Amino acid sequence: MILTPSQIEVTAGEEFTSSVSVWPAGPRHVVSASASAGSDLRVTVEGHKVTVTGRLGRRGDRHTVQVSVSDGADVAHDTLTIEATDLHRPIPPFLHSTTG
């Protein structure tokens, strides 16, 4: 399984919403995801897209989201890392991310 992207940088102290795609995943695959213990991140799954919303307070704060995909016989796991930076950077459109 591949997460695209597998690491996201967000601006410290600002609310963000970011989505990643799980690949490969076909119609028979079931995707699930959950945020690391103690985080205030909200995680939703729609098909093969995992969306994370929240706020990381300080530069260097880091949380992970555990992502799994199952085809009924096998299960694959991967980790999405979200890290806060202190810079406002333009976010490439392929990341499907917004800050605000």
PDB file of N, CA and C in Angstrom:
ATOM      1  N   MET A   1       0.845  -1.171   0.000  1.00  0.00           N
ATOM      2  CA  MET A   1       0.000   0.000   0.000  1.00  0.00           C
ATOM      3  C   MET A   1       0.888   1.230   0.000  1.00  0.00           C
ATOM      4  N   ILE A   2       0.446   2.234  -0.717  1.00  0.00           N
ATOM      5  CA  ILE A   2       1.160   3.497  -0.780  1.00  0.00           C
ATOM      6  C   ILE A   2       0.188   4.615  -0.426  1.00  0.00           C
ATOM      7  N   LEU A   3       0.618   5.518   0.459  1.00  0.00           N
ATOM      8  CA  LEU A   3      -0.144   6.728   0.743  1.00  0.00           C
ATOM      9  C   LEU A   3       0.462   7.856  -0.074  1.00  0.00           C
ATOM     10  N   THR A   4      -0.372   8.619  -0.751  1.00  0.00           N
ATOM     11  CA  THR A   4       0.109   9.732  -1.554  1.00  0.00           C
ATOM     12  C   THR A   4      -0.534  11.005  -1.055  1.00  0.00           C
ATOM     13  N   PRO A   5       0.190  11.895  -0.398  1.00  0.00           N
ATOM     14  CA  PRO A   5       1.556  11.776   0.114  1.00  0.00           C
ATOM     15  C   PRO A   5       1.566  10.998   1.427  1.00  0.00           C
ATOM     16  N   SER A   6       2.756  10.683   1.936  1.00  0.00           N
ATOM     17  CA  SER A   6       2.858   9.954   3.203  1.00  0.00           C
ATOM     18  C   SER A   6       3.247  10.871   4.359  1.00  0.00           C
ATOM     19  N   GLN A   7       3.617  12.115   4.038  1.00  0.00           N
ATOM     20  CA  GLN A   7       3.937  13.097   5.072  1.00  0.00           C
ATOM     21  C   GLN A   7       3.365  14.437   4.648  1.00  0.00           C
ATOM     22  N   ILE A   8       2.777  15.155   5.616  1.00  0.00           N
ATOM     23  CA  ILE A   8       2.160  16.452   5.352  1.00  0.00           C
ATOM     24  C   ILE A   8       2.716  17.455   6.348  1.00  0.00           C
ATOM     25  N   GLU A   9       3.089  18.634   5.852  1.00  0.00           N
ATOM     26  CA  GLU A   9       3.481  19.735   6.721  1.00  0.00           C
ATOM     27  C   GLU A   9       2.338  20.739   6.745  1.00  0.00           C
ATOM     28  N   VAL A  10       1.999  21.209   7.936  1.00  0.00           N
ATOM     29  CA  VAL A  10       0.937  22.194   8.102  1.00  0.00           C
ATOM     30  C   VAL A  10       1.495  23.364   8.897  1.00  0.00           C
ATOM     31  N   THR A  11       0.842  24.518   8.804  1.00  0.00           N
ATOM     32  CA  THR A  11       1.284  25.698   9.536  1.00  0.00           C
ATOM     33  C   THR A  11       0.874  25.579  10.998  1.00  0.00           C
ATOM     34  N   ALA A  12       1.831  25.729  11.898  1.00  0.00           N
ATOM     35  CA  ALA A  12       1.573  25.611  13.333  1.00  0.00           C
ATOM     36  C   ALA A  12       0.507  26.612  13.760  1.00  0.00           C
ATOM     37  N   GLY A  13      -0.429  26.145  14.582  1.00  0.00           N
ATOM     38  CA  GLY A  13      -1.450  27.004  15.156  1.00  0.00           C
ATOM     39  C   GLY A  13      -2.647  27.274  14.272  1.00  0.00           C
ATOM     40  N   GLU A  14      -2.623  26.802  13.029  1.00  0.00           N
ATOM     41  CA  GLU A  14      -3.737  27.056  12.118  1.00  0.00           C
ATOM     42  C   GLU A  14      -4.521  25.779  11.849  1.00  0.00           C
ATOM     43  N   GLU A  15      -5.826  25.921  11.724  1.00  0.00           N
ATOM     44  CA  GLU A  15      -6.694  24.801  11.359  1.00  0.00           C
ATOM     45  C   GLU A  15      -6.315  24.335   9.950  1.00  0.00           C
ATOM     46  N   PHE A  16      -6.306  23.029   9.744  1.00  0.00           N
ATOM     47  CA  PHE A  16      -5.999  22.494   8.419  1.00  0.00           C
ATOM     48  C   PHE A  16      -6.933  21.344   8.090  1.00  0.00           C
ATOM     49  N   THR A  17      -7.088  21.109   6.819  1.00  0.00           N
ATOM     50  CA  THR A  17      -7.759  19.924   6.296  1.00  0.00           C
ATOM     51  C   THR A  17      -6.892  19.410   5.170  1.00  0.00           C
ATOM     52  N   SER A  18      -6.567  18.140   5.217  1.00  0.00           N
ATOM     53  CA  SER A  18      -5.703  17.558   4.199  1.00  0.00           C
ATOM     54  C   SER A  18      -6.172  16.149   3.881  1.00  0.00           C
ATOM     55  N   SER A  19      -6.061  15.777   2.612  1.00  0.00           N
ATOM     56  CA  SER A  19      -6.487  14.448   2.178  1.00  0.00           C
ATOM     57  C   SER A  19      -5.341  13.714   1.506  1.00  0.00           C
ATOM     58  N   VAL A  20      -5.328  12.411   1.689  1.00  0.00           N
ATOM     59  CA  VAL A  20      -4.365  11.555   1.002  1.00  0.00           C
ATOM     60  C   VAL A  20      -5.127  10.422   0.327  1.00  0.00           C
ATOM     61  N   SER A  21      -4.524   9.888  -0.721  1.00  0.00           N
ATOM     62  CA  SER A  21      -5.108   8.753  -1.431  1.00  0.00           C
ATOM     63  C   SER A  21      -4.379   7.482  -1.052  1.00  0.00           C
ATOM     64  N   VAL A  22      -5.124   6.397  -0.957  1.00  0.00           N
ATOM     65  CA  VAL A  22      -4.557   5.078  -0.676  1.00  0.00           C
ATOM     66  C   VAL A  22      -4.484   4.338  -2.003  1.00  0.00           C
ATOM     67  N   TRP A  23      -3.291   3.833  -2.329  1.00  0.00           N
ATOM     68  CA  TRP A  23      -3.099   3.144  -3.605  1.00  0.00           C
ATOM     69  C   TRP A  23      -2.275   1.890  -3.396  1.00  0.00           C
ATOM     70  N   PRO A  24      -2.483   0.781  -4.036  1.00  0.00           N
ATOM     71  CA  PRO A  24      -3.666   0.534  -4.858  1.00  0.00           C
ATOM     72  C   PRO A  24      -4.838   0.139  -3.977  1.00  0.00           C
ATOM     73  N   ALA A  25      -5.988   0.483  -4.404  1.00  0.00           N
ATOM     74  CA  ALA A  25      -7.204   0.083  -3.701  1.00  0.00           C
ATOM     75  C   ALA A  25      -8.324   0.007  -4.726  1.00  0.00           C
ATOM     76  N   GLY A  26      -8.897  -1.159  -4.848  1.00  0.00           N
ATOM     77  CA  GLY A  26      -9.974  -1.380  -5.805  1.00  0.00           C
ATOM     78  C   GLY A  26     -11.310  -1.460  -5.104  1.00  0.00           C
ATOM     79  N   PRO A  27     -12.348  -1.812  -5.843  1.00  0.00           N
ATOM     80  CA  PRO A  27     -13.696  -1.843  -5.275  1.00  0.00           C
ATOM     81  C   PRO A  27     -13.865  -2.822  -4.118  1.00  0.00           C
ATOM     82  N   ARG A  28     -13.057  -3.869  -4.059  1.00  0.00           N
ATOM     83  CA  ARG A  28     -13.208  -4.851  -2.979  1.00  0.00           C
ATOM     84  C   ARG A  28     -12.358  -4.516  -1.753  1.00  0.00           C
ATOM     85  N   HIS A  29     -11.565  -3.452  -1.825  1.00  0.00           N
ATOM     86  CA  HIS A  29     -10.709  -3.055  -0.708  1.00  0.00           C
ATOM     87  C   HIS A  29     -11.467  -2.159   0.264  1.00  0.00           C
ATOM     88  N   VAL A  30     -11.215  -2.364   1.546  1.00  0.00           N
ATOM     89  CA  VAL A  30     -11.811  -1.541   2.598  1.00  0.00           C
ATOM     90  C   VAL A  30     -10.687  -0.775   3.282  1.00  0.00           C
ATOM     91  N   VAL A  31     -10.814   0.548   3.311  1.00  0.00           N
ATOM     92  CA  VAL A  31      -9.807   1.412   3.917  1.00  0.00           C
ATOM     93  C   VAL A  31     -10.316   1.866   5.279  1.00  0.00           C
ATOM     94  N   SER A  32      -9.437   1.847   6.286  1.00  0.00           N
ATOM     95  CA  SER A  32      -9.769   2.385   7.607  1.00  0.00           C
ATOM     96  C   SER A  32      -8.590   3.214   8.088  1.00  0.00           C
ATOM     97  N   ALA A  33      -8.854   4.171   8.975  1.00  0.00           N
ATOM     98  CA  ALA A  33      -7.791   5.044   9.472  1.00  0.00           C
ATOM     99  C   ALA A  33      -8.160   5.572  10.845  1.00  0.00           C
ATOM    100  N   SER A  34      -7.133   5.812  11.677  1.00  0.00           N
ATOM    101  CA  SER A  34      -7.352   6.390  13.003  1.00  0.00           C
ATOM    102  C   SER A  34      -6.140   7.215  13.404  1.00  0.00           C
ATOM    103  N   ALA A  35      -6.406   8.311  14.122  1.00  0.00           N
ATOM    104  CA  ALA A  35      -5.342   9.202  14.582  1.00  0.00           C
ATOM    105  C   ALA A  35      -4.633   8.603  15.785  1.00  0.00           C
ATOM    106  N   SER A  36      -3.405   9.062  16.005  1.00  0.00           N
ATOM    107  CA  SER A  36      -2.627   8.596  17.150  1.00  0.00           C
ATOM    108  C   SER A  36      -3.333   8.971  18.451  1.00  0.00           C
ATOM    109  N   ALA A  37      -3.120   8.158  19.468  1.00  0.00           N
ATOM    110  CA  ALA A  37      -3.729   8.394  20.781  1.00  0.00           C
ATOM    111  C   ALA A  37      -3.323   9.766  21.300  1.00  0.00           C
ATOM    112  N   GLY A  38      -4.274  10.480  21.859  1.00  0.00           N
ATOM    113  CA  GLY A  38      -3.993  11.776  22.453  1.00  0.00           C
ATOM    114  C   GLY A  38      -4.069  12.944  21.486  1.00  0.00           C
ATOM    115  N   SER A  39      -4.283  12.685  20.211  1.00  0.00           N
ATOM    116  CA  SER A  39      -4.372  13.794  19.261  1.00  0.00           C
ATOM    117  C   SER A  39      -5.821  14.261  19.157  1.00  0.00           C
ATOM    118  N   ASP A  40      -5.993  15.508  18.729  1.00  0.00           N
ATOM    119  CA  ASP A  40      -7.329  16.059  18.513  1.00  0.00           C
ATOM    120  C   ASP A  40      -7.701  16.030  17.035  1.00  0.00           C
ATOM    121  N   LEU A  41      -6.985  15.251  16.246  1.00  0.00           N
ATOM    122  CA  LEU A  41      -7.248  15.193  14.814  1.00  0.00           C
ATOM    123  C   LEU A  41      -8.531  14.426  14.540  1.00  0.00           C
ATOM    124  N   ARG A  42      -9.291  14.902  13.572  1.00  0.00           N
ATOM    125  CA  ARG A  42     -10.488  14.208  13.114  1.00  0.00           C
ATOM    126  C   ARG A  42     -10.149  13.520  11.796  1.00  0.00           C
ATOM    127  N   VAL A  43     -10.453  12.244  11.707  1.00  0.00           N
ATOM    128  CA  VAL A  43     -10.099  11.445  10.536  1.00  0.00           C
ATOM    129  C   VAL A  43     -11.371  10.866   9.934  1.00  0.00           C
ATOM    130  N   THR A  44     -11.545  11.051   8.626  1.00  0.00           N
ATOM    131  CA  THR A  44     -12.671  10.452   7.919  1.00  0.00           C
ATOM    132  C   THR A  44     -12.148   9.687   6.711  1.00  0.00           C
ATOM    133  N   VAL A  45     -12.878   8.658   6.329  1.00  0.00           N
ATOM    134  CA  VAL A  45     -12.516   7.849   5.168  1.00  0.00           C
ATOM    135  C   VAL A  45     -13.701   7.835   4.219  1.00  0.00           C
ATOM    136  N   GLU A  46     -13.441   8.175   2.964  1.00  0.00           N
ATOM    137  CA  GLU A  46     -14.440   8.071   1.902  1.00  0.00           C
ATOM    138  C   GLU A  46     -13.808   7.282   0.774  1.00  0.00           C
ATOM    139  N   GLY A  47     -14.246   6.054   0.603  1.00  0.00           N
ATOM    140  CA  GLY A  47     -13.656   5.217  -0.441  1.00  0.00           C
ATOM    141  C   GLY A  47     -12.183   4.991  -0.176  1.00  0.00           C
ATOM    142  N   HIS A  48     -11.341   5.509  -1.064  1.00  0.00           N
ATOM    143  CA  HIS A  48      -9.891   5.336  -0.942  1.00  0.00           C
ATOM    144  C   HIS A  48      -9.205   6.637  -0.555  1.00  0.00           C
ATOM    145  N   LYS A  49      -9.971   7.594  -0.034  1.00  0.00           N
ATOM    146  CA  LYS A  49      -9.427   8.886   0.376  1.00  0.00           C
ATOM    147  C   LYS A  49      -9.567   9.034   1.886  1.00  0.00           C
ATOM    148  N   VAL A  50      -8.454   9.396   2.535  1.00  0.00           N
ATOM    149  CA  VAL A  50      -8.429   9.648   3.977  1.00  0.00           C
ATOM    150  C   VAL A  50      -8.259  11.151   4.168  1.00  0.00           C
ATOM    151  N   THR A  51      -9.176  11.771   4.921  1.00  0.00           N
ATOM    152  CA  THR A  51      -9.115  13.206   5.174  1.00  0.00           C
ATOM    153  C   THR A  51      -8.876  13.438   6.661  1.00  0.00           C
ATOM    154  N   VAL A  52      -7.928  14.329   6.948  1.00  0.00           N
ATOM    155  CA  VAL A  52      -7.563  14.658   8.327  1.00  0.00           C
ATOM    156  C   VAL A  52      -7.797  16.149   8.531  1.00  0.00           C
ATOM    157  N   THR A  53      -8.469  16.497   9.636  1.00  0.00           N
ATOM    158  CA  THR A  53      -8.736  17.889   9.980  1.00  0.00           C
ATOM    159  C   THR A  53      -8.286  18.110  11.414  1.00  0.00           C
ATOM    160  N   GLY A  54      -7.701  19.271  11.672  1.00  0.00           N
ATOM    161  CA  GLY A  54      -7.286  19.576  13.034  1.00  0.00           C
ATOM    162  C   GLY A  54      -6.374  20.773  13.100  1.00  0.00           C
ATOM    163  N   ARG A  55      -5.624  20.841  14.184  1.00  0.00           N
ATOM    164  CA  ARG A  55      -4.694  21.940  14.419  1.00  0.00           C
ATOM    165  C   ARG A  55      -3.532  21.382  15.232  1.00  0.00           C
ATOM    166  N   LEU A  56      -2.324  21.694  14.806  1.00  0.00           N
ATOM    167  CA  LEU A  56      -1.129  21.358  15.584  1.00  0.00           C
ATOM    168  C   LEU A  56      -0.593  22.669  16.132  1.00  0.00           C
ATOM    169  N   GLY A  57      -0.450  22.762  17.441  1.00  0.00           N
ATOM    170  CA  GLY A  57      -0.189  24.024  18.111  1.00  0.00           C
ATOM    171  C   GLY A  57       1.162  24.664  17.897  1.00  0.00           C
ATOM    172  N   ARG A  58       2.223  23.885  17.923  1.00  0.00           N
ATOM    173  CA  ARG A  58       3.575  24.464  17.885  1.00  0.00           C
ATOM    174  C   ARG A  58       4.410  23.821  16.791  1.00  0.00           C
ATOM    175  N   ARG A  59       5.366  24.598  16.305  1.00  0.00           N
ATOM    176  CA  ARG A  59       6.319  24.076  15.329  1.00  0.00           C
ATOM    177  C   ARG A  59       6.956  22.812  15.900  1.00  0.00           C
ATOM    178  N   GLY A  60       7.041  21.788  15.092  1.00  0.00           N
ATOM    179  CA  GLY A  60       7.639  20.531  15.529  1.00  0.00           C
ATOM    180  C   GLY A  60       6.643  19.533  16.088  1.00  0.00           C
ATOM    181  N   ASP A  61       5.421  20.002  16.436  1.00  0.00           N
ATOM    182  CA  ASP A  61       4.393  19.044  16.864  1.00  0.00           C
ATOM    183  C   ASP A  61       4.169  18.054  15.735  1.00  0.00           C
ATOM    184  N   ARG A  62       4.009  16.799  16.098  1.00  0.00           N
ATOM    185  CA  ARG A  62       3.853  15.750  15.091  1.00  0.00           C
ATOM    186  C   ARG A  62       2.840  14.727  15.582  1.00  0.00           C
ATOM    187  N   HIS A  63       1.959  14.335  14.696  1.00  0.00           N
ATOM    188  CA  HIS A  63       1.003  13.265  14.971  1.00  0.00           C
ATOM    189  C   HIS A  63       0.998  12.312  13.795  1.00  0.00           C
ATOM    190  N   THR A  64       0.532  11.110  14.050  1.00  0.00           N
ATOM    191  CA  THR A  64       0.443  10.118  12.987  1.00  0.00           C
ATOM    192  C   THR A  64      -0.989   9.627  12.852  1.00  0.00           C
ATOM    193  N   VAL A  65      -1.289   9.158  11.659  1.00  0.00           N
ATOM    194  CA  VAL A  65      -2.566   8.520  11.373  1.00  0.00           C
ATOM    195  C   VAL A  65      -2.236   7.138  10.828  1.00  0.00           C
ATOM    196  N   GLN A  66      -2.764   6.113  11.477  1.00  0.00           N
ATOM    197  CA  GLN A  66      -2.556   4.737  11.021  1.00  0.00           C
ATOM    198  C   GLN A  66      -3.623   4.416   9.979  1.00  0.00           C
ATOM    199  N   VAL A  67      -3.174   3.963   8.814  1.00  0.00           N
ATOM    200  CA  VAL A  67      -4.084   3.645   7.716  1.00  0.00           C
ATOM    201  C   VAL A  67      -3.942   2.169   7.384  1.00  0.00           C
ATOM    202  N   SER A  68      -5.075   1.502   7.210  1.00  0.00           N
ATOM    203  CA  SER A  68      -5.080   0.081   6.841  1.00  0.00           C
ATOM    204  C   SER A  68      -5.978  -0.109   5.631  1.00  0.00           C
ATOM    205  N   VAL A  69      -5.609  -1.066   4.794  1.00  0.00           N
ATOM    206  CA  VAL A  69      -6.460  -1.450   3.672  1.00  0.00           C
ATOM    207  C   VAL A  69      -6.549  -2.971   3.664  1.00  0.00           C
ATOM    208  N   SER A  70      -7.776  -3.473   3.504  1.00  0.00           N
ATOM    209  CA  SER A  70      -8.008  -4.915   3.545  1.00  0.00           C
ATOM    210  C   SER A  70      -8.791  -5.342   2.312  1.00  0.00           C
ATOM    211  N   ASP A  71      -8.459  -6.520   1.802  1.00  0.00           N
ATOM    212  CA  ASP A  71      -9.227  -7.079   0.684  1.00  0.00           C
ATOM    213  C   ASP A  71     -10.027  -8.296   1.134  1.00  0.00           C
ATOM    214  N   GLY A  72     -10.139  -8.496   2.436  1.00  0.00           N
ATOM    215  CA  GLY A  72     -10.859  -9.640   2.977  1.00  0.00           C
ATOM    216  C   GLY A  72      -9.943 -10.787   3.348  1.00  0.00           C
ATOM    217  N   ALA A  73      -8.784 -10.865   2.701  1.00  0.00           N
ATOM    218  CA  ALA A  73      -7.819 -11.926   3.002  1.00  0.00           C
ATOM    219  C   ALA A  73      -6.547 -11.355   3.611  1.00  0.00           C
ATOM    220  N   ASP A  74      -6.081 -10.249   3.067  1.00  0.00           N
ATOM    221  CA  ASP A  74      -4.838  -9.629   3.527  1.00  0.00           C
ATOM    222  C   ASP A  74      -5.111  -8.212   4.005  1.00  0.00           C
ATOM    223  N   VAL A  75      -4.264  -7.751   4.936  1.00  0.00           N
ATOM    224  CA  VAL A  75      -4.355  -6.386   5.444  1.00  0.00           C
ATOM    225  C   VAL A  75      -2.982  -5.742   5.322  1.00  0.00           C
ATOM    226  N   ALA A  76      -2.944  -4.521   4.791  1.00  0.00           N
ATOM    227  CA  ALA A  76      -1.703  -3.750   4.703  1.00  0.00           C
ATOM    228  C   ALA A  76      -1.858  -2.510   5.573  1.00  0.00           C
ATOM    229  N   HIS A  77      -0.761  -2.087   6.189  1.00  0.00           N
ATOM    230  CA  HIS A  77      -0.775  -0.932   7.083  1.00  0.00           C
ATOM    231  C   HIS A  77       0.270   0.074   6.623  1.00  0.00           C
ATOM    232  N   ASP A  78      -0.032   1.354   6.844  1.00  0.00           N
ATOM    233  CA  ASP A  78       0.928   2.412   6.569  1.00  0.00           C
ATOM    234  C   ASP A  78       0.655   3.546   7.550  1.00  0.00           C
ATOM    235  N   THR A  79       1.588   4.481   7.628  1.00  0.00           N
ATOM    236  CA  THR A  79       1.476   5.592   8.563  1.00  0.00           C
ATOM    237  C   THR A  79       1.588   6.910   7.817  1.00  0.00           C
ATOM    238  N   LEU A  80       0.635   7.803   8.061  1.00  0.00           N
ATOM    239  CA  LEU A  80       0.674   9.169   7.564  1.00  0.00           C
ATOM    240  C   LEU A  80       1.200  10.036   8.697  1.00  0.00           C
ATOM    241  N   THR A  81       2.222  10.835   8.427  1.00  0.00           N
ATOM    242  CA  THR A  81       2.799  11.726   9.429  1.00  0.00           C
ATOM    243  C   THR A  81       2.407  13.161   9.107  1.00  0.00           C
ATOM    244  N   ILE A  82       1.924  13.882  10.121  1.00  0.00           N
ATOM    245  CA  ILE A  82       1.558  15.286   9.969  1.00  0.00           C
ATOM    246  C   ILE A  82       2.414  16.077  10.945  1.00  0.00           C
ATOM    247  N   GLU A  83       3.141  17.076  10.414  1.00  0.00           N
ATOM    248  CA  GLU A  83       4.055  17.853  11.250  1.00  0.00           C
ATOM    249  C   GLU A  83       3.799  19.339  11.072  1.00  0.00           C
ATOM    250  N   ALA A  84       3.850  20.086  12.189  1.00  0.00           N
ATOM    251  CA  ALA A  84       3.636  21.529  12.166  1.00  0.00           C
ATOM    252  C   ALA A  84       4.943  22.254  11.872  1.00  0.00           C
ATOM    253  N   THR A  85       4.856  23.271  11.003  1.00  0.00           N
ATOM    254  CA  THR A  85       5.990  24.140  10.708  1.00  0.00           C
ATOM    255  C   THR A  85       5.605  25.558  11.102  1.00  0.00           C
ATOM    256  N   ASP A  86       6.567  26.449  11.111  1.00  0.00           N
ATOM    257  CA  ASP A  86       6.262  27.835  11.459  1.00  0.00           C
ATOM    258  C   ASP A  86       6.198  28.730  10.231  1.00  0.00           C
ATOM    259  N   LEU A  87       6.215  28.148   9.069  1.00  0.00           N
ATOM    260  CA  LEU A  87       6.207  28.931   7.840  1.00  0.00           C
ATOM    261  C   LEU A  87       4.888  28.782   7.107  1.00  0.00           C
ATOM    262  N   HIS A  88       4.437  29.871   6.520  1.00  0.00           N
ATOM    263  CA  HIS A  88       3.296  29.812   5.601  1.00  0.00           C
ATOM    264  C   HIS A  88       3.874  29.492   4.235  1.00  0.00           C
ATOM    265  N   ARG A  89       3.579  28.313   3.743  1.00  0.00           N
ATOM    266  CA  ARG A  89       4.088  27.901   2.438  1.00  0.00           C
ATOM    267  C   ARG A  89       2.911  27.632   1.521  1.00  0.00           C
ATOM    268  N   PRO A  90       3.089  27.949   0.238  1.00  0.00           N
ATOM    269  CA  PRO A  90       2.032  27.528  -0.681  1.00  0.00           C
ATOM    270  C   PRO A  90       1.988  26.009  -0.721  1.00  0.00           C
ATOM    271  N   ILE A  91       0.806  25.454  -0.714  1.00  0.00           N
ATOM    272  CA  ILE A  91       0.653  24.003  -0.703  1.00  0.00           C
ATOM    273  C   ILE A  91       0.347  23.544  -2.123  1.00  0.00           C
ATOM    274  N   PRO A  92       1.145  22.632  -2.654  1.00  0.00           N
ATOM    275  CA  PRO A  92       0.899  22.159  -4.017  1.00  0.00           C
ATOM    276  C   PRO A  92      -0.512  21.596  -4.150  1.00  0.00           C
ATOM    277  N   PRO A  93      -1.179  21.885  -5.281  1.00  0.00           N
ATOM    278  CA  PRO A  93      -2.566  21.449  -5.444  1.00  0.00           C
ATOM    279  C   PRO A  93      -2.754  19.944  -5.364  1.00  0.00           C
ATOM    280  N   PHE A  94      -1.727  19.156  -5.698  1.00  0.00           N
ATOM    281  CA  PHE A  94      -1.890  17.702  -5.665  1.00  0.00           C
ATOM    282  C   PHE A  94      -2.041  17.167  -4.251  1.00  0.00           C
ATOM    283  N   LEU A  95      -1.750  17.978  -3.232  1.00  0.00           N
ATOM    284  CA  LEU A  95      -1.911  17.526  -1.850  1.00  0.00           C
ATOM    285  C   LEU A  95      -3.351  17.683  -1.365  1.00  0.00           C
ATOM    286  N   HIS A  96      -4.182  18.376  -2.111  1.00  0.00           N
ATOM    287  CA  HIS A  96      -5.581  18.581  -1.728  1.00  0.00           C
ATOM    288  C   HIS A  96      -5.678  19.151  -0.323  1.00  0.00           C
ATOM    289  N   SER A  97      -4.796  20.089   0.013  1.00  0.00           N
ATOM    290  CA  SER A  97      -4.739  20.623   1.368  1.00  0.00           C
ATOM    291  C   SER A  97      -5.154  22.081   1.381  1.00  0.00           C
ATOM    292  N   THR A  98      -5.720  22.499   2.500  1.00  0.00           N
ATOM    293  CA  THR A  98      -5.995  23.910   2.709  1.00  0.00           C
ATOM    294  C   THR A  98      -5.608  24.256   4.131  1.00  0.00           C
ATOM    295  N   THR A  99      -5.177  25.469   4.345  1.00  0.00           N
ATOM    296  CA  THR A  99      -4.961  25.970   5.705  1.00  0.00           C
ATOM    297  C   THR A  99      -5.780  27.237   5.820  1.00  0.00           C
ATOM    298  N   GLY A 100      -6.132  27.578   7.037  1.00  0.00           N
ATOM    299  CA  GLY A 100      -6.910  28.806   7.144  1.00  0.00           C
ATOM    300  C   GLY A 100      -7.231  29.170   8.521  1.00  0.00           C
TER     301      GLY A 100
END
